[in-house]
Amino acid sequence: MRLLFFISAFLVLGLSYTSSAQLNRSIPSEKPKLIVQVVVSQMRFDYLNRYWEKFSDNGFKLLINEGTYCRNARYNYLLTQAYPGVATLATGANPSVHGIISDKWYNRNTGNEVEATADEKVNTVGGSFFSGKYSAKNLVTSTFGDELKLNNANSKVISIALDAGSAILLGGHSANGIYWFDTEKGGWVSSSYFTEALPAWLDTFNSKGLAKLYTEREWKALQPIQNYEEADTTMIKSVEKKKSIAEKLKGMVDGIIGKPQPKTDYKALLENPYGNLLTKDLAIAAIVGENLGADEYPDLLCVTFSANRFIGGKFGPQSIEVEDTYLRLDKELEHFLTFINTTVGKENCLFVLTSDQGIASTPDYLEKSKIPGGYFDPKKAMVLLGSYLNALYGQGSWITGYHDKQIYLNRKLIEDSNLNLTEFQQKVADFMLEFSGVANSTTGHNLQNGNFANGIMVKFQNSYNQRRSGDVIINLEPGWVERNGNITSANSPYDYDSHVPLIFYGWKTKRKSVLTPVYLNDVAPTLSMLLGITWPNGASGTPIREMLE
């Protein structure tokens, strides 16, 4: 009853909001009144084809059939992770320029690990003490949203995601509102970097208790298990002798993918599709609460569906869980698009959908088809590297950190030992090539002083930031992934990690399929050109010609 009351009240708000907006719908506005930028985290390009027959006509299919579909869109750097991805989309720059080189990195000055958006100097607004200690201070360039605000202070920029990093990096420094989910208290929060208090509409949304309702809901398969033929069910059937797999299969036969925790554990929303449902609900509430798209000043709403990333890393891209997540997300998109078309109007709203990264198949899955692959264990590799350096240069803590294929060396110890840093880096790079699964290894010195025109080293260089990157960076062979607690991950330059969907739909968008190569740092310059505003100050992308014709 509580949920029905909320939905009814929500519809009344939506209808009152749309009463004037439904007039003169046939003529697009001079500029889009609302830009909705949707990032489906860790969505590989092939998912659209794989699940096509099961999608509804008004979700993903609607975007492709009536929009401009860039089929050849890729990230052009080495370390394809979530936060470098959203930062690249927002800034039009590669990580070498915008500074978000990975989700985490090592700070040479403090000796501590740095999370991309963590900030101890700010305070939480609206939630638990630690949930709001995030800001955009590590993003060193402006975003499309920032430039939109600089162009006209009356434009509004709102960004939301379950995780703080995605919401902040896609929204930028000067957004009107950036909100993320507090997994301790179950509400949406922000930080003092962005605001002094949550808006009334968000307080109202939090008070409805939807997070608790969705957390306690069972995740049941949307379709009968036998219908998930696109998933890797053959592996499950062939290894039933393994207890964990057998228990999983039994749960699926019963129609249950995941059971709720005995008590309310809001972290569960990060790993099930109801987290996406909650995100979509908030996106609709933001449009109504902020009156987005209601006047002649273009507004920007950034929405990241983060749950897909956590589900993909935990279960793998060929899992039933991932397939079910996308079938459910298709329904949420259908509802979201219907709401936008009814309120703001398709002709007044430019809808952009893409992803921040792809994901690799699990090595176990590849092994069944005799395709090479494997796991690279960085902890073991660093132990062996440390022993090698001790044998070569004497006992010492020569390595200060390893983060996401980046090795950070103890530069002070190297200098105090009167050793040449460049030669030391090269020794380490050469040694790393001895490990199974390592395809390339290069040094910071090479990346600082080289000028690469093509090949894999261009992607190394696009990921390298002199102030933040490691002394040595490695790249694994295709099919190889790091052991990081999940069964697979992204973080490579290969097609399965870098090739993602890119679709424009709505305002003045033509129905076409674009086959020419597009990089994801082209998105922000394209949006800037469409609005006639200044590009983000570090942008290096090229506007997509087919969107401007």
Protein backbone atom coordinates (compact mmCIF):
# COMPACT_ATOMS: atom_id res chain seq x y z
CA MET A 1 0.00 0.00 0.00
CA ARG A 2 2.83 2.34 0.85
CA LEU A 3 4.43 1.86 -2.57
CA LEU A 4 1.08 2.24 -4.37
CA PHE A 5 0.48 5.53 -2.57
CA PHE A 6 3.90 6.81 -3.63
CA ILE A 7 3.39 5.79 -7.25
CA SER A 8 -0.05 7.43 -7.36
CA ALA A 9 1.27 10.67 -5.88
CA PHE A 10 4.19 10.54 -8.27
CA LEU A 11 1.89 10.20 -11.29
CA VAL A 12 -0.16 13.18 -10.15
CA LEU A 13 3.01 15.27 -9.92
CA GLY A 14 4.10 14.07 -13.34
CA LEU A 15 0.74 14.86 -14.94
CA SER A 16 0.61 18.35 -13.44
CA TYR A 17 4.15 18.93 -14.61
CA THR A 18 3.28 17.94 -18.18
CA SER A 19 0.02 19.85 -18.67
CA SER A 20 1.70 22.74 -20.48
CA ALA A 21 4.56 20.70 -21.94
CA GLN A 22 2.28 18.69 -24.22
CA LEU A 23 1.47 21.66 -26.44
CA ASN A 24 3.21 22.23 -29.78
CA ARG A 25 5.02 18.89 -29.64
CA SER A 26 5.68 18.55 -33.37
CA ILE A 27 8.38 21.23 -33.57
CA PRO A 28 11.73 20.63 -31.81
CA SER A 29 13.08 23.42 -29.66
CA GLU A 30 16.01 25.45 -31.02
CA LYS A 31 18.26 23.74 -28.46
CA PRO A 32 17.43 20.64 -26.43
CA LYS A 33 15.65 21.64 -23.25
CA LEU A 34 17.03 18.59 -21.50
CA ILE A 35 20.02 16.35 -22.16
CA VAL A 36 19.84 12.99 -20.42
CA GLN A 37 23.18 11.21 -20.36
CA VAL A 38 22.80 7.59 -19.33
CA VAL A 39 25.80 5.37 -18.57
CA VAL A 40 25.08 1.65 -18.23
CA SER A 41 28.17 0.61 -16.34
CA GLN A 42 30.22 -2.25 -17.84
CA MET A 43 27.91 -2.74 -20.82
CA ARG A 44 29.73 -4.56 -23.61
CA PHE A 45 28.77 -3.74 -27.19
CA ASP A 46 27.71 -7.32 -27.93
CA TYR A 47 25.05 -7.38 -25.20
CA LEU A 48 22.63 -5.56 -27.49
CA ASN A 49 22.80 -8.27 -30.13
CA ARG A 50 22.94 -11.10 -27.62
CA TYR A 51 19.69 -10.15 -25.87
CA TRP A 52 17.97 -8.41 -28.79
CA GLU A 53 15.14 -10.89 -29.27
CA LYS A 54 14.17 -10.63 -25.61
CA PHE A 55 14.13 -6.85 -25.37
CA SER A 56 10.84 -4.97 -25.53
CA ASP A 57 10.07 -2.66 -28.45
CA ASN A 58 10.30 0.50 -26.35
CA GLY A 59 13.56 0.14 -24.42
CA PHE A 60 16.94 -0.51 -26.03
CA LYS A 61 15.23 -1.29 -29.34
CA LEU A 62 13.50 2.08 -29.42
CA LEU A 63 16.80 3.90 -28.96
CA ILE A 64 18.47 1.95 -31.78
CA ASN A 65 15.55 1.90 -34.19
CA GLU A 66 14.80 5.62 -33.89
CA GLY A 67 18.18 7.08 -32.94
CA THR A 68 21.72 7.50 -34.21
CA TYR A 69 23.59 4.33 -33.31
CA CYS A 70 27.40 4.58 -33.30
CA ARG A 71 28.37 0.95 -33.74
CA ASN A 72 32.12 1.50 -33.72
CA ALA A 73 32.61 3.47 -30.48
CA ARG A 74 35.61 2.71 -28.27
CA TYR A 75 37.78 4.01 -25.47
CA ASN A 76 41.28 4.76 -26.71
CA TYR A 77 43.41 4.12 -23.64
CA LEU A 78 44.89 1.21 -21.70
CA LEU A 79 43.24 1.09 -18.28
CA THR A 80 39.54 0.80 -19.09
CA GLN A 81 37.89 1.14 -15.72
CA ALA A 82 34.67 2.74 -14.53
CA TYR A 83 35.95 6.07 -13.23
CA PRO A 84 38.36 6.83 -16.07
CA GLY A 85 35.43 5.99 -18.37
CA VAL A 86 32.88 8.41 -16.92
CA ALA A 87 35.55 11.10 -16.57
CA THR A 88 36.46 10.69 -20.25
CA LEU A 89 32.81 10.96 -21.26
CA ALA A 90 32.32 14.10 -19.20
CA THR A 91 35.53 15.91 -20.09
CA GLY A 92 36.21 14.88 -23.69
CA ALA A 93 39.78 14.15 -22.57
CA ASN A 94 41.76 10.97 -21.99
CA PRO A 95 43.01 9.99 -18.49
CA SER A 96 46.45 11.41 -19.29
CA VAL A 97 44.82 14.86 -19.24
CA HIS A 98 41.79 14.68 -16.91
CA GLY A 99 43.85 12.88 -14.25
CA ILE A 100 41.51 10.02 -13.32
CA ILE A 101 43.95 7.33 -14.42
CA SER A 102 42.18 4.48 -12.62
CA ASP A 103 39.61 3.85 -9.91
CA LYS A 104 42.46 3.99 -7.37
CA TRP A 105 46.13 4.94 -7.51
CA TYR A 106 49.14 5.52 -5.26
CA ASN A 107 50.06 8.95 -3.90
CA ARG A 108 53.86 9.28 -3.83
CA ASN A 109 53.74 12.27 -1.46
CA THR A 110 51.65 10.65 1.27
CA GLY A 111 52.39 6.99 0.63
CA ASN A 112 48.67 6.24 0.70
CA GLU A 113 46.20 4.72 -1.72
CA VAL A 114 43.98 7.32 -3.38
CA GLU A 115 40.38 6.65 -4.34
CA ALA A 116 39.44 8.69 -7.39
CA THR A 117 36.84 10.87 -5.65
CA ALA A 118 37.58 10.38 -1.93
CA ASP A 119 38.01 13.61 0.06
CA GLU A 120 38.46 13.61 3.84
CA LYS A 121 38.09 17.39 4.02
CA VAL A 122 34.41 17.49 3.07
CA ASN A 123 31.40 16.48 5.13
CA THR A 124 28.41 14.29 4.41
CA VAL A 125 25.12 15.99 3.63
CA GLY A 126 22.07 13.92 4.49
CA GLY A 127 23.54 10.57 5.54
CA SER A 128 26.05 8.59 7.60
CA PHE A 129 29.38 10.17 8.55
CA PHE A 130 31.64 8.51 5.95
CA SER A 131 29.16 8.11 3.10
CA GLY A 132 29.57 11.66 1.84
CA LYS A 133 33.32 12.17 2.02
CA TYR A 134 33.74 12.56 -1.72
CA SER A 135 34.38 15.43 -4.12
CA ALA A 136 35.61 16.25 -7.62
CA LYS A 137 38.96 17.67 -6.45
CA ASN A 138 41.01 15.02 -8.30
CA LEU A 139 39.36 15.77 -11.64
CA VAL A 140 41.72 18.40 -13.05
CA THR A 141 39.66 19.53 -16.07
CA SER A 142 36.16 20.90 -16.55
CA THR A 143 33.26 18.74 -17.73
CA PHE A 144 30.49 19.33 -20.25
CA GLY A 145 28.18 20.04 -17.30
CA ASP A 146 30.61 22.62 -15.92
CA GLU A 147 30.76 24.42 -19.27
CA LEU A 148 26.98 24.31 -19.56
CA LYS A 149 26.72 26.08 -16.19
CA LEU A 150 29.40 28.62 -17.16
CA ASN A 151 27.50 29.36 -20.37
CA ASN A 152 24.25 30.06 -18.53
CA ALA A 153 23.74 30.00 -14.78
CA ASN A 154 20.03 29.23 -15.30
CA SER A 155 20.86 25.78 -16.71
CA LYS A 156 20.66 22.98 -14.17
CA VAL A 157 23.01 19.99 -13.89
CA ILE A 158 22.00 16.96 -11.82
CA SER A 159 23.98 13.70 -11.61
CA ILE A 160 23.03 10.48 -9.79
CA ALA A 161 24.49 7.01 -9.33
CA LEU A 162 24.61 4.36 -6.64
CA ASP A 163 28.35 4.98 -6.24
CA ALA A 164 29.80 8.40 -5.53
CA GLY A 165 32.56 8.18 -8.14
CA SER A 166 30.25 7.72 -11.11
CA ALA A 167 27.87 10.46 -10.00
CA ILE A 168 30.63 12.98 -9.30
CA LEU A 169 32.88 12.42 -12.30
CA LEU A 170 30.02 12.48 -14.81
CA GLY A 171 28.45 15.57 -13.22
CA GLY A 172 31.58 17.65 -12.63
CA HIS A 173 32.59 20.38 -10.21
CA SER A 174 29.75 22.90 -10.31
CA ALA A 175 26.58 20.82 -10.70
CA ASN A 176 23.39 21.91 -8.95
CA GLY A 177 23.09 18.49 -7.39
CA ILE A 178 25.18 15.31 -7.29
CA TYR A 179 23.74 12.43 -5.31
CA TRP A 180 24.78 8.88 -4.48
CA PHE A 181 23.52 6.06 -2.30
CA ASP A 182 24.37 5.64 1.38
CA THR A 183 24.65 1.87 1.91
CA GLU A 184 24.58 2.33 5.71
CA LYS A 185 21.32 4.24 6.11
CA GLY A 186 19.65 3.53 2.79
CA GLY A 187 19.19 7.09 1.57
CA TRP A 188 20.61 9.33 -1.15
CA VAL A 189 23.32 11.72 0.02
CA SER A 190 25.76 14.36 -1.17
CA SER A 191 28.76 16.21 0.27
CA SER A 192 29.54 19.74 1.41
CA TYR A 193 31.65 20.15 -1.75
CA PHE A 194 28.43 20.36 -3.76
CA THR A 195 25.69 21.54 -1.40
CA GLU A 196 24.83 22.59 2.14
CA ALA A 197 21.53 20.68 2.33
CA LEU A 198 19.55 18.17 0.33
CA PRO A 199 16.66 19.63 -1.66
CA ALA A 200 13.15 19.09 -0.29
CA TRP A 201 12.18 16.76 -3.14
CA LEU A 202 15.10 14.44 -2.30
CA ASP A 203 14.25 14.43 1.41
CA THR A 204 10.72 13.43 0.40
CA PHE A 205 12.06 10.69 -1.86
CA ASN A 206 14.30 9.30 0.90
CA SER A 207 11.40 9.29 3.34
CA LYS A 208 9.40 6.88 1.15
CA GLY A 209 11.61 3.94 2.15
CA LEU A 210 11.94 2.54 -1.37
CA ALA A 211 15.51 1.40 -0.70
CA LYS A 212 14.37 -0.82 2.16
CA LEU A 213 11.51 -2.16 0.07
CA TYR A 214 13.78 -3.06 -2.84
CA THR A 215 16.51 -4.49 -0.61
CA GLU A 216 14.09 -6.93 0.95
CA ARG A 217 12.65 -8.01 -2.39
CA GLU A 218 13.75 -11.40 -3.72
CA TRP A 219 15.64 -11.43 -6.98
CA LYS A 220 13.73 -13.95 -9.03
CA ALA A 221 14.51 -14.78 -12.64
CA LEU A 222 12.33 -12.71 -14.96
CA GLN A 223 11.85 -15.68 -17.28
CA PRO A 224 11.98 -19.47 -16.83
CA ILE A 225 15.61 -20.54 -16.42
CA GLN A 226 15.56 -22.64 -19.59
CA ASN A 227 14.89 -19.47 -21.62
CA TYR A 228 18.30 -18.00 -20.77
CA GLU A 229 20.02 -19.77 -23.65
CA GLU A 230 22.35 -16.81 -24.20
CA ALA A 231 23.89 -17.44 -20.77
CA ASP A 232 26.57 -20.01 -19.96
CA THR A 233 24.20 -22.66 -18.61
CA THR A 234 26.25 -25.47 -20.18
CA MET A 235 29.06 -24.89 -17.72
CA ILE A 236 26.66 -25.05 -14.81
CA LYS A 237 25.24 -28.38 -15.96
CA SER A 238 28.67 -29.91 -16.60
CA VAL A 239 30.07 -29.18 -13.13
CA GLU A 240 27.13 -29.98 -10.87
CA LYS A 241 29.50 -32.11 -8.85
CA LYS A 242 30.86 -28.89 -7.39
CA LYS A 243 28.77 -28.05 -4.37
CA SER A 244 28.61 -24.29 -4.92
CA ILE A 245 27.48 -24.68 -8.52
CA ALA A 246 24.96 -27.36 -7.63
CA GLU A 247 23.42 -25.11 -5.00
CA LYS A 248 23.28 -22.26 -7.49
CA LEU A 249 21.52 -24.47 -10.03
CA LYS A 250 18.99 -25.60 -7.45
CA GLY A 251 18.21 -21.99 -6.62
CA MET A 252 17.71 -21.21 -10.28
CA VAL A 253 15.39 -24.15 -10.82
CA ASP A 254 13.32 -22.78 -7.97
CA GLY A 255 13.24 -19.50 -9.88
CA ILE A 256 15.39 -17.62 -7.39
CA ILE A 257 18.70 -16.01 -8.31
CA GLY A 258 19.41 -14.28 -5.04
CA LYS A 259 17.68 -14.37 -1.65
CA PRO A 260 17.45 -11.29 0.58
CA GLN A 261 19.60 -10.91 3.67
CA PRO A 262 17.98 -11.70 7.06
CA LYS A 263 18.25 -8.00 7.97
CA THR A 264 18.26 -4.93 5.79
CA ASP A 265 21.66 -4.80 4.11
CA TYR A 266 21.58 -1.90 1.69
CA LYS A 267 24.84 -3.00 0.07
CA ALA A 268 22.79 -5.72 -1.62
CA LEU A 269 21.37 -3.06 -3.96
CA LEU A 270 24.83 -2.68 -5.49
CA GLU A 271 24.70 -6.28 -6.69
CA ASN A 272 21.14 -6.77 -7.85
CA PRO A 273 18.94 -5.12 -10.49
CA TYR A 274 16.72 -3.42 -7.90
CA GLY A 275 19.58 -0.96 -7.47
CA ASN A 276 18.92 0.09 -11.06
CA LEU A 277 15.22 0.37 -10.31
CA LEU A 278 15.94 2.69 -7.38
CA THR A 279 18.26 4.78 -9.58
CA LYS A 280 15.60 5.15 -12.27
CA ASP A 281 13.01 6.15 -9.67
CA LEU A 282 15.34 8.88 -8.44
CA ALA A 283 16.03 10.09 -12.00
CA ILE A 284 12.30 10.59 -12.55
CA ALA A 285 11.96 12.31 -9.17
CA ALA A 286 14.83 14.64 -10.12
CA ILE A 287 13.13 15.68 -13.37
CA VAL A 288 9.94 16.49 -11.49
CA GLY A 289 11.59 18.00 -8.40
CA GLU A 290 13.99 20.24 -10.33
CA ASN A 291 11.59 21.02 -13.22
CA LEU A 292 14.26 19.88 -15.66
CA GLY A 293 13.56 20.73 -19.28
CA ALA A 294 10.75 23.11 -18.35
CA ASP A 295 12.22 26.32 -19.80
CA GLU A 296 14.42 27.54 -22.65
CA TYR A 297 17.67 27.00 -20.74
CA PRO A 298 19.16 23.54 -21.49
CA ASP A 299 19.44 21.26 -18.46
CA LEU A 300 21.60 18.15 -18.00
CA LEU A 301 20.64 14.99 -16.13
CA CYS A 302 23.38 12.36 -15.74
CA VAL A 303 22.31 8.86 -14.70
CA THR A 304 24.69 5.94 -14.14
CA PHE A 305 23.31 2.44 -13.67
CA SER A 306 26.14 1.17 -11.49
CA ALA A 307 24.69 -2.15 -10.37
CA ASN A 308 25.55 -3.77 -13.71
CA ARG A 309 29.26 -3.35 -12.98
CA PHE A 310 29.11 -5.11 -9.62
CA ILE A 311 26.92 -7.89 -10.99
CA GLY A 312 29.18 -8.44 -14.00
CA GLY A 313 32.35 -8.65 -11.92
CA LYS A 314 30.77 -11.08 -9.47
CA PHE A 315 29.08 -13.45 -11.93
CA GLY A 316 30.77 -12.87 -15.31
CA PRO A 317 29.38 -11.59 -18.64
CA GLN A 318 28.01 -14.97 -19.73
CA SER A 319 25.99 -15.52 -16.54
CA ILE A 320 22.25 -15.80 -16.11
CA GLU A 321 22.48 -13.00 -13.55
CA VAL A 322 23.88 -10.57 -16.11
CA GLU A 323 21.32 -11.52 -18.74
CA ASP A 324 18.47 -11.14 -16.27
CA THR A 325 19.86 -7.75 -15.20
CA TYR A 326 19.76 -6.44 -18.77
CA LEU A 327 16.27 -7.76 -19.43
CA ARG A 328 15.11 -5.93 -16.32
CA LEU A 329 17.03 -2.78 -17.22
CA ASP A 330 15.32 -2.81 -20.62
CA LYS A 331 11.98 -2.52 -18.83
CA GLU A 332 13.26 0.32 -16.65
CA LEU A 333 14.49 2.15 -19.76
CA GLU A 334 11.09 1.70 -21.36
CA HIS A 335 9.42 3.31 -18.35
CA PHE A 336 12.02 6.10 -18.18
CA LEU A 337 11.73 6.91 -21.90
CA THR A 338 7.95 6.90 -21.73
CA PHE A 339 8.07 9.35 -18.83
CA ILE A 340 10.48 11.66 -20.68
CA ASN A 341 8.45 11.56 -23.89
CA THR A 342 5.28 12.34 -21.95
CA THR A 343 6.75 15.19 -19.90
CA VAL A 344 9.61 16.97 -21.63
CA GLY A 345 8.87 15.48 -25.03
CA LYS A 346 11.11 13.49 -27.35
CA GLU A 347 11.54 16.52 -29.61
CA ASN A 348 12.90 18.60 -26.70
CA CYS A 349 15.14 16.00 -25.05
CA LEU A 350 18.45 14.62 -26.32
CA PHE A 351 18.97 11.19 -24.78
CA VAL A 352 22.51 9.74 -24.89
CA LEU A 353 23.22 6.17 -23.80
CA THR A 354 26.65 4.58 -23.55
CA SER A 355 28.90 2.73 -21.08
CA ASP A 356 32.03 3.42 -19.04
CA GLN A 357 33.81 0.13 -19.87
CA GLY A 358 33.28 -3.43 -21.03
CA ILE A 359 34.26 -6.65 -19.27
CA ALA A 360 36.35 -9.73 -20.06
CA SER A 361 34.96 -13.25 -20.25
CA THR A 362 36.08 -15.43 -17.37
CA PRO A 363 39.17 -17.54 -18.14
CA ASP A 364 37.15 -20.63 -17.17
CA TYR A 365 34.60 -19.80 -19.86
CA LEU A 366 37.31 -19.32 -22.48
CA GLU A 367 38.99 -22.58 -21.49
CA LYS A 368 35.91 -24.57 -22.52
CA SER A 369 36.39 -23.37 -26.09
CA LYS A 370 40.17 -23.87 -25.97
CA ILE A 371 40.72 -20.11 -26.17
CA PRO A 372 43.86 -18.91 -24.34
CA GLY A 373 43.35 -16.98 -21.14
CA GLY A 374 44.19 -17.03 -17.47
CA TYR A 375 44.57 -15.17 -14.21
CA PHE A 376 47.50 -12.91 -13.38
CA ASP A 377 48.19 -12.78 -9.65
CA PRO A 378 49.72 -9.38 -8.84
CA LYS A 379 50.50 -10.27 -5.20
CA LYS A 380 52.66 -13.22 -6.19
CA ALA A 381 54.23 -11.20 -8.98
CA MET A 382 55.25 -8.42 -6.59
CA VAL A 383 56.80 -10.92 -4.16
CA LEU A 384 58.93 -12.37 -6.95
CA LEU A 385 59.80 -8.89 -8.25
CA GLY A 386 60.86 -7.84 -4.75
CA SER A 387 63.13 -10.89 -4.42
CA TYR A 388 64.67 -10.14 -7.81
CA LEU A 389 65.38 -6.51 -6.89
CA ASN A 390 66.86 -7.55 -3.53
CA ALA A 391 69.20 -9.94 -5.30
CA LEU A 392 70.17 -7.27 -7.82
CA TYR A 393 70.48 -4.17 -5.62
CA GLY A 394 70.55 -5.45 -2.04
CA GLN A 395 67.88 -5.66 0.64
CA GLY A 396 65.35 -2.85 0.57
CA SER A 397 61.70 -1.91 0.11
CA TRP A 398 62.11 -1.15 -3.57
CA ILE A 399 58.40 -1.35 -4.36
CA THR A 400 55.99 1.03 -2.65
CA GLY A 401 52.75 -0.03 -4.34
CA TYR A 402 50.93 -1.88 -7.09
CA HIS A 403 47.60 -0.65 -8.38
CA ASP A 404 45.75 -1.79 -11.50
CA LYS A 405 48.75 -2.91 -13.59
CA GLN A 406 50.88 -0.02 -12.33
CA ILE A 407 54.06 -0.57 -10.28
CA TYR A 408 55.20 2.29 -8.04
CA LEU A 409 58.87 2.26 -7.06
CA ASN A 410 60.54 3.69 -3.97
CA ARG A 411 62.17 6.66 -5.69
CA LYS A 412 63.73 8.01 -2.50
CA LEU A 413 65.50 4.73 -1.81
CA ILE A 414 66.63 4.51 -5.44
CA GLU A 415 68.02 8.06 -5.26
CA ASP A 416 69.69 7.48 -1.88
CA SER A 417 71.33 4.36 -3.33
CA ASN A 418 72.77 6.41 -6.20
CA LEU A 419 70.90 4.31 -8.74
CA ASN A 420 69.63 5.58 -12.07
CA LEU A 421 65.82 5.69 -12.01
CA THR A 422 65.43 5.20 -15.76
CA GLU A 423 67.63 2.10 -15.74
CA PHE A 424 65.88 0.79 -12.62
CA GLN A 425 62.48 1.19 -14.27
CA GLN A 426 63.69 -0.68 -17.34
CA LYS A 427 65.00 -3.58 -15.24
CA VAL A 428 61.58 -3.90 -13.64
CA ALA A 429 59.79 -3.67 -17.00
CA ASP A 430 62.00 -6.37 -18.50
CA PHE A 431 61.47 -8.66 -15.50
CA MET A 432 57.66 -8.33 -15.69
CA LEU A 433 57.72 -9.68 -19.26
CA GLU A 434 58.87 -13.02 -17.82
CA PHE A 435 55.47 -13.63 -16.22
CA SER A 436 52.86 -15.74 -18.00
CA GLY A 437 50.08 -13.56 -19.36
CA VAL A 438 52.06 -10.31 -19.53
CA ALA A 439 52.01 -9.00 -23.11
CA ASN A 440 53.61 -5.57 -22.77
CA SER A 441 55.57 -3.69 -20.16
CA THR A 442 56.90 -0.16 -20.39
CA THR A 443 58.30 2.56 -18.16
CA GLY A 444 57.20 6.02 -17.17
CA HIS A 445 60.38 7.35 -18.75
CA ASN A 446 59.43 5.90 -22.15
CA LEU A 447 55.91 7.29 -21.93
CA GLN A 448 57.10 10.76 -20.90
CA ASN A 449 59.67 11.02 -23.66
CA GLY A 450 58.11 9.00 -26.48
CA ASN A 451 55.71 10.25 -29.13
CA PHE A 452 53.73 7.28 -30.39
CA ALA A 453 51.58 7.60 -33.50
CA ASN A 454 49.90 4.19 -33.50
CA GLY A 455 49.81 0.78 -31.90
CA ILE A 456 49.37 -0.30 -28.30
CA MET A 457 51.77 2.33 -26.98
CA VAL A 458 49.32 5.09 -27.93
CA LYS A 459 46.87 3.56 -25.47
CA PHE A 460 49.58 3.34 -22.82
CA GLN A 461 50.33 7.01 -23.33
CA ASN A 462 46.67 8.05 -23.22
CA SER A 463 46.39 6.40 -19.80
CA TYR A 464 49.64 7.83 -18.44
CA ASN A 465 49.64 10.89 -16.18
CA GLN A 466 53.10 11.97 -15.04
CA ARG A 467 51.97 13.01 -11.56
CA ARG A 468 49.82 9.97 -10.77
CA SER A 469 50.80 6.95 -12.86
CA GLY A 470 53.22 4.20 -11.87
CA ASP A 471 56.90 3.85 -12.80
CA VAL A 472 56.13 0.72 -14.79
CA ILE A 473 52.84 -0.20 -16.46
CA ILE A 474 51.97 -3.63 -17.82
CA ASN A 475 49.37 -4.98 -20.20
CA LEU A 476 48.13 -8.57 -20.16
CA GLU A 477 47.53 -10.91 -23.06
CA PRO A 478 43.97 -11.07 -24.48
CA GLY A 479 41.79 -13.25 -22.27
CA TRP A 480 43.93 -12.69 -19.17
CA VAL A 481 42.57 -10.82 -16.12
CA GLU A 482 43.96 -9.87 -12.73
CA ARG A 483 42.94 -11.70 -9.58
CA ASN A 484 41.09 -9.03 -7.64
CA GLY A 485 38.38 -10.85 -5.69
CA ASN A 486 35.95 -11.12 -8.62
CA ILE A 487 35.83 -13.87 -11.23
CA THR A 488 36.62 -11.36 -13.98
CA SER A 489 37.17 -7.67 -14.62
CA ALA A 490 37.79 -5.03 -17.28
CA ASN A 491 40.97 -2.87 -17.48
CA SER A 492 42.47 -3.71 -20.87
CA PRO A 493 42.63 -2.09 -24.34
CA TYR A 494 41.03 -5.07 -26.04
CA ASP A 495 37.69 -5.00 -27.81
CA TYR A 496 35.72 -6.70 -25.03
CA ASP A 497 36.80 -3.96 -22.61
CA SER A 498 36.91 -0.90 -24.87
CA HIS A 499 34.04 -1.38 -27.37
CA VAL A 500 30.76 -0.06 -25.94
CA PRO A 501 27.38 1.10 -27.29
CA LEU A 502 26.83 4.78 -28.08
CA ILE A 503 23.31 5.89 -29.02
CA PHE A 504 21.79 9.36 -29.49
CA TYR A 505 17.98 9.60 -29.43
CA GLY A 506 15.40 12.37 -29.45
CA TRP A 507 15.96 16.06 -30.23
CA LYS A 508 16.74 16.50 -33.96
CA THR A 509 18.38 13.08 -34.04
CA LYS A 510 18.25 11.23 -37.34
CA ARG A 511 17.61 7.53 -37.65
CA LYS A 512 20.94 6.12 -38.80
CA SER A 513 23.67 3.62 -38.10
CA VAL A 514 27.20 5.09 -37.91
CA LEU A 515 30.06 2.74 -38.81
CA THR A 516 32.94 5.23 -38.83
CA PRO A 517 35.24 4.97 -35.78
CA VAL A 518 34.21 7.08 -32.79
CA TYR A 519 36.06 7.50 -29.51
CA LEU A 520 34.21 8.18 -26.28
CA ASN A 521 36.12 11.41 -25.69
CA ASP A 522 34.21 12.67 -28.75
CA VAL A 523 30.92 12.77 -26.82
CA ALA A 524 31.52 15.97 -24.79
CA PRO A 525 32.77 17.99 -27.81
CA THR A 526 29.75 16.77 -29.79
CA LEU A 527 27.29 17.91 -27.11
CA SER A 528 29.15 21.21 -26.79
CA MET A 529 28.92 21.83 -30.54
CA LEU A 530 25.21 21.02 -30.58
CA LEU A 531 24.60 23.61 -27.86
CA GLY A 532 27.09 26.14 -29.21
CA ILE A 533 29.06 26.36 -25.96
CA THR A 534 32.75 26.13 -25.07
CA TRP A 535 34.24 22.65 -24.97
CA PRO A 536 35.55 21.29 -21.64
CA ASN A 537 38.96 22.86 -21.14
CA GLY A 538 40.98 19.66 -21.55
CA ALA A 539 38.95 18.12 -24.37
CA SER A 540 40.85 16.46 -27.19
CA GLY A 541 38.02 14.57 -28.90
CA THR A 542 36.45 15.36 -32.26
CA PRO A 543 32.74 16.16 -32.70
CA ILE A 544 30.87 13.28 -34.31
CA ARG A 545 30.19 14.48 -37.86
CA GLU A 546 27.03 12.42 -38.31
CA MET A 547 25.43 14.16 -35.31
CA LEU A 548 26.10 17.62 -36.74
CA GLU A 549 24.94 17.05 -40.32
